[in-house]
């Protein structure tokens, strides 16, 4: 038994020694393998191998980016009537244009290069905003602002929101509403806190007459194209302040008062319409963005509410009532005094939303051509040879109009156009669009292939916009593609 135990013990010890030698051997083998692998990995990375024998070039010198917009060349070849007519012959014959009128003009000389039905009064739709913006540039300072005030009411616990024609005020907590640079309702509320105010009166007496123009459709309020025109609104009366065509409020001034009350913790039921007492003490005030910024917003996005309120600013500057009739009369008066022929122009609003507005293509073309004219010494063209009044100072005043126009395929109401099919006009055409269910129009300017600036007014009636707009775009595109000297 003892001997057996010793043998078993010896066998066990021998197995342990063999196992140890096995593990040691395996360890040595792995170690040798690892060393060999390291040698295989490390060895090639010698200076000769590092770049495969290639020479690495030095990094390029830094480049300074200096983006700019170059002016149209002053020596570009003048277009000819024959060249323009040949370029347009096919596209202006498109039956999808319906009742069509238009005019094309050389901006440098003022010479009319093509005209068809240009004296016929047409539904302008939103291209009427060209006339409104031109009148504002001529009648108002570019940095003018609208001031909305809150004054003391008849009782110690009452404040009066005195509306002055600013529809851009925002109630958003971060102050970033639909209109960039707009006044903040929170700033008015801050001036009222701690004063024991428990009632808000909204004074809308600065505007007179109806709140809806002749030719407006009530369906355009929930459709998001307009709100009843009252002299104070929150984000243009939009129920969703960040959506362009959000449904609009039917009582935008009262809603502004209610939102002010809400910021002060006042029951909205304690908001009503009324008037401020003459000479009432001012408690707080806010100012709109400058006119130049508001004009750009109303043109790029074709904002009807802004166009109507700016029209009333022109009326106020001319001492006329701030009403639809007063604004329309003021726009006509300012442009007529500047020398524009407004024969055939009939206005019921200043936004072009009314289906009863009428404007000949000739009048729109004249304004654009004057804005794009050289701004040197004024010259008087012989009768019948020019599409524009005298240049010089008038051209300089209207030149900012050009920068308010949307860019084809890039901005505002032209962002989605010239992006498919033949995008020849993308980035080159700048124009005000106009769209109603029975009318489309395009009024702007383009640089032709020779580097000459051409202005155009193109108007289509009696066709739905989904049919007529591509046809209008093709005409402006043909002007861009034209070497018409």
Protein backbone atom coordinates (compact mmCIF):
# COMPACT_ATOMS: atom_id res chain seq x y z
CA UNK A 1 0.00 0.00 0.00
CA UNK A 2 2.79 2.32 0.95
CA UNK A 3 4.78 1.52 -2.13
CA UNK A 4 1.73 2.06 -4.29
CA UNK A 5 1.12 5.38 -2.73
CA UNK A 6 4.73 6.40 -3.36
CA UNK A 7 4.36 5.36 -7.01
CA UNK A 8 1.21 7.28 -7.42
CA UNK A 9 2.80 10.26 -5.78
CA UNK A 10 5.76 10.04 -8.12
CA UNK A 11 3.49 9.75 -11.18
CA UNK A 12 1.61 12.82 -10.07
CA UNK A 13 4.81 14.79 -9.62
CA UNK A 14 6.02 13.66 -13.06
CA UNK A 15 2.76 14.75 -14.66
CA UNK A 16 3.07 18.13 -12.97
CA UNK A 17 6.64 18.52 -14.29
CA UNK A 18 5.51 17.59 -17.82
CA UNK A 19 2.59 20.03 -17.57
CA UNK A 20 4.93 22.75 -16.38
CA UNK A 21 7.35 22.03 -19.22
CA UNK A 22 4.36 22.09 -21.63
CA UNK A 23 3.16 25.45 -20.37
CA UNK A 24 6.69 26.83 -20.42
CA UNK A 25 7.13 25.54 -23.95
CA UNK A 26 3.87 27.02 -25.11
CA UNK A 27 4.77 30.32 -23.47
CA UNK A 28 8.14 30.36 -25.19
CA UNK A 29 6.51 29.55 -28.53
CA UNK A 30 3.98 32.35 -28.11
CA UNK A 31 6.73 34.75 -27.07
CA UNK A 32 8.83 33.84 -30.10
CA UNK A 33 5.77 34.26 -32.31
CA UNK A 34 5.01 37.67 -30.82
CA UNK A 35 8.57 38.85 -31.27
CA UNK A 36 8.50 37.66 -34.87
CA UNK A 37 5.19 39.43 -35.43
CA UNK A 38 6.55 42.64 -33.94
CA UNK A 39 9.57 42.34 -36.15
CA UNK A 40 7.33 41.88 -39.18
CA UNK A 41 5.26 44.92 -38.20
CA UNK A 42 8.05 47.22 -37.13
CA UNK A 43 10.66 46.39 -39.68
CA UNK A 44 9.02 47.95 -42.76
CA UNK A 45 8.54 51.36 -41.14
CA UNK A 46 11.97 52.61 -42.02
CA UNK A 47 12.50 56.12 -43.40
CA UNK A 48 12.76 54.64 -46.90
CA UNK A 49 9.42 52.83 -46.57
CA UNK A 50 7.50 55.53 -44.77
CA UNK A 51 6.10 57.24 -47.89
CA UNK A 52 6.68 54.53 -50.40
CA UNK A 53 9.38 56.56 -52.03
CA UNK A 54 6.90 59.39 -52.84
CA UNK A 55 7.67 63.07 -52.40
CA UNK A 56 5.16 64.92 -50.20
CA UNK A 57 4.38 68.41 -51.44
CA UNK A 58 4.37 71.34 -49.05
CA UNK A 59 0.90 72.55 -47.97
CA UNK A 60 -0.58 75.21 -50.24
CA UNK A 61 -0.44 78.85 -49.28
CA UNK A 62 -3.55 80.17 -47.47
CA UNK A 63 -6.24 81.62 -49.73
CA UNK A 64 -8.15 84.73 -48.73
CA UNK A 65 -11.84 84.51 -49.66
CA UNK A 66 -13.23 87.86 -50.81
CA UNK A 67 -16.81 87.33 -52.05
CA UNK A 68 -18.39 90.27 -53.81
CA UNK A 69 -21.01 91.18 -56.35
CA UNK A 70 -19.50 92.85 -59.38
CA UNK A 71 -21.50 95.56 -61.14
CA UNK A 72 -22.74 95.00 -64.66
CA UNK A 73 -20.01 96.04 -67.10
CA UNK A 74 -20.42 99.58 -68.37
CA UNK A 75 -19.27 98.62 -71.88
CA UNK A 76 -21.66 95.69 -72.44
CA UNK A 77 -23.16 95.57 -75.91
CA UNK A 78 -26.59 97.17 -76.13
CA UNK A 79 -29.41 94.74 -76.95
CA UNK A 80 -31.46 95.26 -80.09
CA UNK A 81 -35.21 95.07 -80.53
CA UNK A 82 -34.74 92.40 -83.17
CA UNK A 83 -32.55 90.30 -80.91
CA UNK A 84 -35.05 90.47 -78.04
CA UNK A 85 -38.01 89.70 -80.29
CA UNK A 86 -36.21 86.67 -81.73
CA UNK A 87 -35.36 85.39 -78.25
CA UNK A 88 -38.94 85.76 -77.04
CA UNK A 89 -40.89 84.73 -80.13
CA UNK A 90 -41.49 81.15 -79.01
CA UNK A 91 -42.02 81.62 -75.26
CA UNK A 92 -44.47 84.53 -75.52
CA UNK A 93 -46.64 82.46 -77.86
CA UNK A 94 -47.29 79.87 -75.15
CA UNK A 95 -51.10 79.50 -74.77
CA UNK A 96 -50.62 78.74 -71.07
CA UNK A 97 -49.99 82.47 -70.56
CA UNK A 98 -53.70 83.15 -71.10
CA UNK A 99 -54.39 86.89 -71.32
CA UNK A 100 -50.79 88.11 -71.41
CA UNK A 101 -49.12 91.51 -71.32
CA UNK A 102 -45.54 92.52 -70.83
CA UNK A 103 -42.67 94.85 -71.48
CA UNK A 104 -38.88 94.43 -71.65
CA UNK A 105 -36.59 97.44 -71.32
CA UNK A 106 -32.88 98.17 -71.51
CA UNK A 107 -32.12 99.58 -68.05
CA UNK A 108 -29.10 101.58 -69.19
CA UNK A 109 -30.80 103.54 -71.97
CA UNK A 110 -34.45 103.23 -70.96
CA UNK A 111 -35.31 102.02 -74.45
CA UNK A 112 -38.28 99.67 -74.73
CA UNK A 113 -37.07 96.53 -76.53
CA UNK A 114 -40.31 94.55 -76.58
CA UNK A 115 -43.87 95.36 -75.59
CA UNK A 116 -47.13 93.49 -75.87
CA UNK A 117 -50.37 94.81 -74.39
CA UNK A 118 -48.32 96.90 -71.95
CA UNK A 119 -51.02 99.59 -71.67
CA UNK A 120 -53.75 97.09 -70.82
CA UNK A 121 -54.80 97.20 -67.14
CA UNK A 122 -54.15 93.74 -65.67
CA UNK A 123 -54.64 92.09 -62.28
CA UNK A 124 -51.19 92.68 -60.76
CA UNK A 125 -51.53 90.37 -57.74
CA UNK A 126 -48.52 90.87 -55.46
CA UNK A 127 -46.42 92.73 -58.04
CA UNK A 128 -48.45 95.74 -56.86
CA UNK A 129 -46.02 95.72 -53.92
CA UNK A 130 -43.45 97.16 -56.35
CA UNK A 131 -45.51 100.37 -56.47
CA UNK A 132 -46.03 100.41 -52.70
CA UNK A 133 -42.33 99.93 -51.98
CA UNK A 134 -41.34 102.58 -54.53
CA UNK A 135 -43.75 105.09 -52.95
CA UNK A 136 -42.40 104.30 -49.47
CA UNK A 137 -38.80 104.84 -50.64
CA UNK A 138 -39.78 108.22 -52.07
CA UNK A 139 -42.00 109.41 -49.20
CA UNK A 140 -40.37 108.05 -46.04
CA UNK A 141 -36.87 107.98 -44.48
CA UNK A 142 -35.22 104.58 -44.85
CA UNK A 143 -34.64 104.39 -41.08
CA UNK A 144 -38.18 105.38 -40.04
CA UNK A 145 -39.79 103.19 -37.38
CA UNK A 146 -43.27 102.72 -35.96
CA UNK A 147 -43.57 103.35 -32.21
CA UNK A 148 -46.18 101.46 -30.18
CA UNK A 149 -46.92 103.02 -26.78
CA UNK A 150 -48.73 102.15 -23.60
CA UNK A 151 -50.14 105.14 -21.74
CA UNK A 152 -52.02 105.67 -18.49
CA UNK A 153 -55.74 104.98 -18.62
CA UNK A 154 -58.74 106.73 -17.14
CA UNK A 155 -58.39 104.81 -13.86
CA UNK A 156 -55.23 104.09 -11.83
CA UNK A 157 -55.46 100.36 -12.57
CA UNK A 158 -55.92 100.87 -16.36
CA UNK A 159 -53.36 101.06 -19.17
CA UNK A 160 -54.04 101.82 -22.84
CA UNK A 161 -52.15 100.07 -25.64
CA UNK A 162 -52.00 102.75 -28.34
CA UNK A 163 -51.69 100.99 -31.69
CA UNK A 164 -49.67 102.85 -34.31
CA UNK A 165 -49.48 100.46 -37.27
CA UNK A 166 -46.87 97.88 -36.28
CA UNK A 167 -48.02 94.31 -37.05
CA UNK A 168 -44.60 92.76 -36.34
CA UNK A 169 -44.47 92.78 -32.51
CA UNK A 170 -43.74 89.34 -31.10
CA UNK A 171 -44.89 87.74 -27.86
CA UNK A 172 -42.46 84.83 -28.01
CA UNK A 173 -40.46 84.45 -24.77
CA UNK A 174 -37.14 84.43 -26.63
CA UNK A 175 -38.14 87.51 -28.64
CA UNK A 176 -37.58 85.67 -31.94
CA UNK A 177 -40.87 85.82 -33.77
CA UNK A 178 -41.77 85.74 -37.43
CA UNK A 179 -40.19 89.11 -38.25
CA UNK A 180 -36.46 89.57 -37.57
CA UNK A 181 -35.68 92.62 -35.46
CA UNK A 182 -39.28 93.09 -34.35
CA UNK A 183 -40.33 94.83 -31.14
CA UNK A 184 -40.98 92.61 -28.12
CA UNK A 185 -44.24 92.56 -26.20
CA UNK A 186 -42.21 91.57 -23.14
CA UNK A 187 -40.59 95.03 -23.17
CA UNK A 188 -44.00 96.67 -22.93
CA UNK A 189 -44.97 94.31 -20.12
CA UNK A 190 -41.75 95.11 -18.25
CA UNK A 191 -42.68 98.81 -18.23
CA UNK A 192 -46.07 98.07 -16.67
CA UNK A 193 -45.11 95.69 -13.87
CA UNK A 194 -45.43 97.04 -10.36
CA UNK A 195 -47.89 99.76 -11.39
CA UNK A 196 -51.04 97.97 -10.18
CA UNK A 197 -52.41 97.59 -13.70
CA UNK A 198 -55.44 95.29 -13.82
CA UNK A 199 -57.16 96.34 -17.07
CA UNK A 200 -55.92 96.80 -20.66
CA UNK A 201 -57.61 99.03 -23.24
CA UNK A 202 -56.56 98.77 -26.92
CA UNK A 203 -56.77 101.99 -28.94
CA UNK A 204 -56.99 101.29 -32.72
CA UNK A 205 -58.25 104.74 -33.74
CA UNK A 206 -55.19 105.53 -35.87
CA UNK A 207 -56.73 103.40 -38.66
CA UNK A 208 -60.09 104.31 -40.15
CA UNK A 209 -62.56 102.59 -42.44
CA UNK A 210 -63.12 98.87 -43.02
CA UNK A 211 -60.61 96.22 -42.00
CA UNK A 212 -61.07 94.19 -45.21
CA UNK A 213 -60.48 95.68 -48.67
CA UNK A 214 -62.74 95.43 -51.69
CA UNK A 215 -61.78 92.26 -53.56
CA UNK A 216 -60.43 90.40 -50.51
CA UNK A 217 -61.77 86.95 -49.71
CA UNK A 218 -62.67 86.10 -46.07
CA UNK A 219 -61.21 82.61 -46.71
CA UNK A 220 -57.77 84.22 -46.92
CA UNK A 221 -57.83 84.78 -43.13
CA UNK A 222 -57.81 81.07 -42.16
CA UNK A 223 -55.77 80.48 -45.32
CA UNK A 224 -52.98 82.60 -43.86
CA UNK A 225 -52.70 85.29 -46.55
CA UNK A 226 -54.10 88.20 -44.53
CA UNK A 227 -55.60 89.30 -41.23
CA UNK A 228 -58.24 92.01 -40.82
CA UNK A 229 -56.16 95.16 -41.05
CA UNK A 230 -55.81 96.58 -37.54
CA UNK A 231 -52.95 98.80 -36.36
CA UNK A 232 -51.37 96.37 -33.91
CA UNK A 233 -50.79 92.64 -34.31
CA UNK A 234 -48.63 89.91 -32.87
CA UNK A 235 -46.46 88.31 -35.58
CA UNK A 236 -48.78 89.59 -38.31
CA UNK A 237 -51.79 88.04 -36.61
CA UNK A 238 -50.48 84.50 -37.14
CA UNK A 239 -51.88 81.93 -34.73
CA UNK A 240 -48.59 80.04 -35.10
CA UNK A 241 -45.98 82.81 -35.01
CA UNK A 242 -43.29 80.96 -36.96
CA UNK A 243 -45.35 79.61 -39.86
CA UNK A 244 -45.66 81.84 -42.96
CA UNK A 245 -49.16 80.80 -43.98
CA UNK A 246 -50.51 79.97 -40.53
CA UNK A 247 -54.19 80.83 -40.02
CA UNK A 248 -54.61 84.43 -38.88
CA UNK A 249 -56.57 85.96 -36.04
CA UNK A 250 -59.91 87.56 -36.85
CA UNK A 251 -59.36 90.07 -33.99
CA UNK A 252 -55.59 90.76 -34.09
CA UNK A 253 -55.62 94.02 -32.08
CA UNK A 254 -57.67 92.56 -29.23
CA UNK A 255 -55.43 89.49 -29.30
CA UNK A 256 -52.39 91.75 -28.88
CA UNK A 257 -54.00 93.30 -25.81
CA UNK A 258 -54.88 89.88 -24.43
CA UNK A 259 -51.33 88.63 -24.87
CA UNK A 260 -50.02 91.71 -23.09
CA UNK A 261 -52.49 91.02 -20.27
CA UNK A 262 -51.35 87.40 -20.08
CA UNK A 263 -47.74 88.50 -19.64
CA UNK A 264 -48.86 90.67 -16.71
CA UNK A 265 -51.04 87.97 -15.15
CA UNK A 266 -54.23 89.91 -15.94
CA UNK A 267 -57.44 88.12 -16.85
CA UNK A 268 -57.81 88.38 -20.68
CA UNK A 269 -61.49 89.13 -20.11
CA UNK A 270 -60.36 92.50 -18.74
CA UNK A 271 -59.14 93.62 -22.20
CA UNK A 272 -61.39 95.82 -24.35
CA UNK A 273 -61.28 98.33 -27.19
CA UNK A 274 -61.27 102.03 -26.35
CA UNK A 275 -59.32 105.26 -26.83
CA UNK A 276 -56.50 106.93 -24.96
CA UNK A 277 -57.04 110.34 -23.40
CA UNK A 278 -55.17 113.18 -25.16
CA UNK A 279 -51.85 113.83 -23.44
CA UNK A 280 -51.98 110.65 -21.33
CA UNK A 281 -48.67 109.86 -19.64
CA UNK A 282 -46.54 107.28 -21.44
CA UNK A 283 -45.74 104.18 -19.39
CA UNK A 284 -43.79 102.12 -21.94
CA UNK A 285 -42.99 102.00 -25.66
CA UNK A 286 -41.34 99.80 -28.31
CA UNK A 287 -40.21 100.49 -31.88
CA UNK A 288 -40.41 98.43 -35.04
CA UNK A 289 -37.46 97.54 -37.24
CA UNK A 290 -36.36 100.30 -39.67
CA UNK A 291 -38.40 100.78 -42.84
CA UNK A 292 -35.58 99.43 -45.03
CA UNK A 293 -35.76 96.08 -43.23
CA UNK A 294 -39.53 95.90 -43.33
CA UNK A 295 -39.57 96.66 -47.06
CA UNK A 296 -37.18 93.80 -47.67
CA UNK A 297 -39.35 91.44 -45.62
CA UNK A 298 -42.57 92.43 -47.36
CA UNK A 299 -41.01 92.05 -50.82
CA UNK A 300 -38.96 88.86 -50.35
CA UNK A 301 -41.80 86.99 -48.63
CA UNK A 302 -44.64 88.90 -50.31
CA UNK A 303 -46.14 89.80 -46.93
CA UNK A 304 -49.60 91.30 -47.44
CA UNK A 305 -50.04 92.61 -43.89
CA UNK A 306 -46.71 94.46 -44.00
CA UNK A 307 -47.50 95.91 -47.43
CA UNK A 308 -50.82 97.28 -46.17
CA UNK A 309 -49.34 98.84 -43.04
CA UNK A 310 -46.46 100.42 -45.02
CA UNK A 311 -49.05 101.83 -47.43
CA UNK A 312 -50.70 103.54 -44.47
CA UNK A 313 -47.37 104.96 -43.35
CA UNK A 314 -47.16 106.62 -46.78
CA UNK A 315 -50.71 107.92 -46.29
CA UNK A 316 -49.79 109.39 -42.89
CA UNK A 317 -46.73 111.09 -44.41
CA UNK A 318 -49.03 112.76 -46.95
CA UNK A 319 -51.62 113.78 -44.36
CA UNK A 320 -54.19 111.32 -45.68
CA UNK A 321 -56.42 108.98 -43.64
CA UNK A 322 -54.80 105.68 -42.72
CA UNK A 323 -57.39 103.62 -44.56
CA UNK A 324 -57.46 101.49 -47.71
CA UNK A 325 -58.54 104.49 -49.81
CA UNK A 326 -56.04 106.80 -48.13
CA UNK A 327 -53.13 104.43 -48.66
CA UNK A 328 -54.04 103.74 -52.30
CA UNK A 329 -54.38 107.48 -52.99
CA UNK A 330 -51.05 108.20 -51.29
CA UNK A 331 -49.17 105.60 -53.36
CA UNK A 332 -50.67 106.95 -56.59
CA UNK A 333 -49.93 110.57 -55.60
CA UNK A 334 -46.30 109.98 -54.67
CA UNK A 335 -45.53 108.08 -57.86
CA UNK A 336 -47.38 110.53 -60.08
CA UNK A 337 -45.48 113.44 -58.56
CA UNK A 338 -42.24 111.54 -59.28
CA UNK A 339 -43.14 111.53 -62.98
CA UNK A 340 -44.61 108.06 -63.49
CA UNK A 341 -47.55 107.63 -65.84
CA UNK A 342 -50.22 105.80 -63.84
CA UNK A 343 -52.88 105.84 -66.52
CA UNK A 344 -54.94 102.66 -66.14
CA UNK A 345 -53.88 102.07 -62.50
CA UNK A 346 -56.81 101.32 -60.16
CA UNK A 347 -55.97 100.36 -56.56
CA UNK A 348 -58.17 99.03 -53.75
CA UNK A 349 -55.28 98.04 -51.47
CA UNK A 350 -51.48 98.32 -51.40
CA UNK A 351 -50.62 94.62 -51.28
CA UNK A 352 -52.20 93.35 -54.51
CA UNK A 353 -54.39 90.83 -52.73
CA UNK A 354 -57.54 92.38 -54.18
CA UNK A 355 -58.79 90.77 -57.38
CA UNK A 356 -60.18 94.20 -58.32
CA UNK A 357 -56.78 95.93 -58.56
CA UNK A 358 -55.60 96.84 -62.07
CA UNK A 359 -52.12 97.93 -63.20
CA UNK A 360 -50.66 98.04 -66.73
CA UNK A 361 -47.33 96.30 -67.28
CA UNK A 362 -45.99 99.64 -68.54
CA UNK A 363 -46.32 101.24 -65.07
CA UNK A 364 -44.52 98.39 -63.29
CA UNK A 365 -41.80 98.32 -65.95
CA UNK A 366 -41.22 102.07 -65.59
CA UNK A 367 -40.61 101.82 -61.84
CA UNK A 368 -38.17 98.90 -62.20
CA UNK A 369 -36.35 100.54 -65.09
CA UNK A 370 -35.91 103.77 -63.15
CA UNK A 371 -34.60 101.88 -60.11
CA UNK A 372 -32.06 100.07 -62.32
CA UNK A 373 -31.03 103.17 -64.28
CA UNK A 374 -27.58 104.78 -64.01
CA UNK A 375 -27.59 107.28 -61.15
CA UNK A 376 -25.54 109.95 -62.87
CA UNK A 377 -26.89 113.34 -63.98
CA UNK A 378 -30.55 113.28 -64.84
CA UNK A 379 -31.44 113.24 -68.52
CA UNK A 380 -34.78 113.78 -70.23
CA UNK A 381 -35.58 111.34 -73.04
CA UNK A 382 -37.64 112.49 -76.04
CA UNK A 383 -41.28 111.47 -75.77
CA UNK A 384 -41.92 107.90 -76.80
CA UNK A 385 -38.31 106.75 -76.50
CA UNK A 386 -38.06 105.99 -72.79
CA UNK A 387 -39.91 103.72 -70.38
CA UNK A 388 -38.86 105.76 -67.36
CA UNK A 389 -38.93 109.32 -66.05
CA UNK A 390 -35.75 111.31 -65.52
CA UNK A 391 -32.85 109.42 -63.95
CA UNK A 392 -30.30 110.82 -61.53
CA UNK A 393 -31.65 111.55 -58.07
CA UNK A 394 -34.88 109.63 -58.66
CA UNK A 395 -32.95 106.53 -59.69
CA UNK A 396 -30.78 106.83 -56.58
CA UNK A 397 -33.85 106.97 -54.33
CA UNK A 398 -35.41 103.92 -55.96
CA UNK A 399 -32.24 101.83 -56.34
CA UNK A 400 -32.75 100.07 -52.94
CA UNK A 401 -35.88 98.53 -54.47
CA UNK A 402 -33.62 96.20 -56.47
CA UNK A 403 -32.17 94.68 -53.28
CA UNK A 404 -35.63 93.82 -51.94
CA UNK A 405 -36.41 91.43 -54.81
CA UNK A 406 -36.24 87.64 -54.33
CA UNK A 407 -33.45 85.75 -56.12
CA UNK A 408 -34.48 82.99 -58.53
CA UNK A 409 -33.87 79.54 -57.08
CA UNK A 410 -32.57 81.00 -53.81
CA UNK A 411 -34.73 83.30 -51.69
CA UNK A 412 -38.28 84.08 -50.66
CA UNK A 413 -41.12 83.53 -53.09
CA UNK A 414 -38.64 82.59 -55.87
CA UNK A 415 -36.77 79.99 -53.82
CA UNK A 416 -38.59 77.02 -55.32
CA UNK A 417 -38.59 78.32 -58.89
CA UNK A 418 -35.83 77.79 -61.47
CA UNK A 419 -34.68 74.75 -59.52
CA UNK A 420 -35.66 72.01 -62.00
CA UNK A 421 -35.85 71.48 -65.72
CA UNK A 422 -33.90 74.34 -67.30
CA UNK A 423 -32.54 76.39 -64.37
CA UNK A 424 -30.87 78.97 -66.64
CA UNK A 425 -32.27 81.89 -64.63
CA UNK A 426 -31.28 80.60 -61.17
CA UNK A 427 -29.18 83.18 -59.38
CA UNK A 428 -29.47 85.66 -62.27
CA UNK A 429 -33.11 86.71 -62.16
CA UNK A 430 -34.38 88.92 -59.34
CA UNK A 431 -38.09 89.60 -59.43
CA UNK A 432 -41.25 90.25 -57.46
CA UNK A 433 -43.73 87.46 -57.87
CA UNK A 434 -47.49 87.76 -57.96
CA UNK A 435 -49.97 84.93 -57.49
CA UNK A 436 -53.75 84.82 -57.23
CA UNK A 437 -56.12 82.09 -58.31
CA UNK A 438 -56.76 83.95 -61.59
CA UNK A 439 -53.47 85.79 -62.11
CA UNK A 440 -49.69 85.45 -62.05
CA UNK A 441 -47.02 88.06 -62.67
CA UNK A 442 -43.24 88.47 -62.56
CA UNK A 443 -41.59 91.90 -62.42
CA UNK A 444 -37.85 92.36 -62.07
CA UNK A 445 -34.51 92.41 -63.86
CA UNK A 446 -31.87 90.06 -65.27
CA UNK A 447 -28.35 90.26 -66.70
CA UNK A 448 -28.32 88.95 -70.27
CA UNK A 449 -25.45 86.96 -71.82
CA UNK A 450 -23.78 90.14 -73.01
CA UNK A 451 -23.75 91.57 -69.48
CA UNK A 452 -26.56 94.08 -70.06
CA UNK A 453 -29.29 94.67 -67.46
CA UNK A 454 -32.79 94.08 -68.80
CA UNK A 455 -35.90 94.94 -66.78
CA UNK A 456 -39.19 93.18 -67.40
CA UNK A 457 -42.84 93.23 -66.36
CA UNK A 458 -44.71 90.04 -67.29
CA UNK A 459 -48.41 89.60 -66.43
CA UNK A 460 -50.75 86.66 -67.01
CA UNK A 461 -54.49 86.68 -66.28
CA UNK A 462 -57.24 84.09 -66.72
CA UNK A 463 -55.02 81.10 -66.06
CA UNK A 464 -54.37 79.21 -62.80
CA UNK A 465 -50.89 79.93 -61.41
CA UNK A 466 -49.69 76.34 -61.66
CA UNK A 467 -50.12 76.71 -65.44
CA UNK A 468 -48.98 80.29 -66.02
CA UNK A 469 -46.00 80.53 -63.66
CA UNK A 470 -43.76 78.11 -65.59
CA UNK A 471 -44.61 80.02 -68.78
CA UNK A 472 -43.62 83.34 -67.16
CA UNK A 473 -40.42 81.81 -65.81
CA UNK A 474 -39.52 80.63 -69.31
CA UNK A 475 -39.77 84.20 -70.64
CA UNK A 476 -37.45 85.61 -67.98
CA UNK A 477 -35.11 82.64 -68.54
CA UNK A 478 -35.01 83.42 -72.27
CA UNK A 479 -33.90 86.96 -71.44
CA UNK A 480 -31.07 85.61 -69.32
CA UNK A 481 -30.00 83.29 -72.13
CA UNK A 482 -30.12 86.04 -74.74
CA UNK A 483 -27.08 87.52 -76.43
CA UNK A 484 -29.27 90.13 -78.04
CA UNK A 485 -26.86 92.80 -79.22
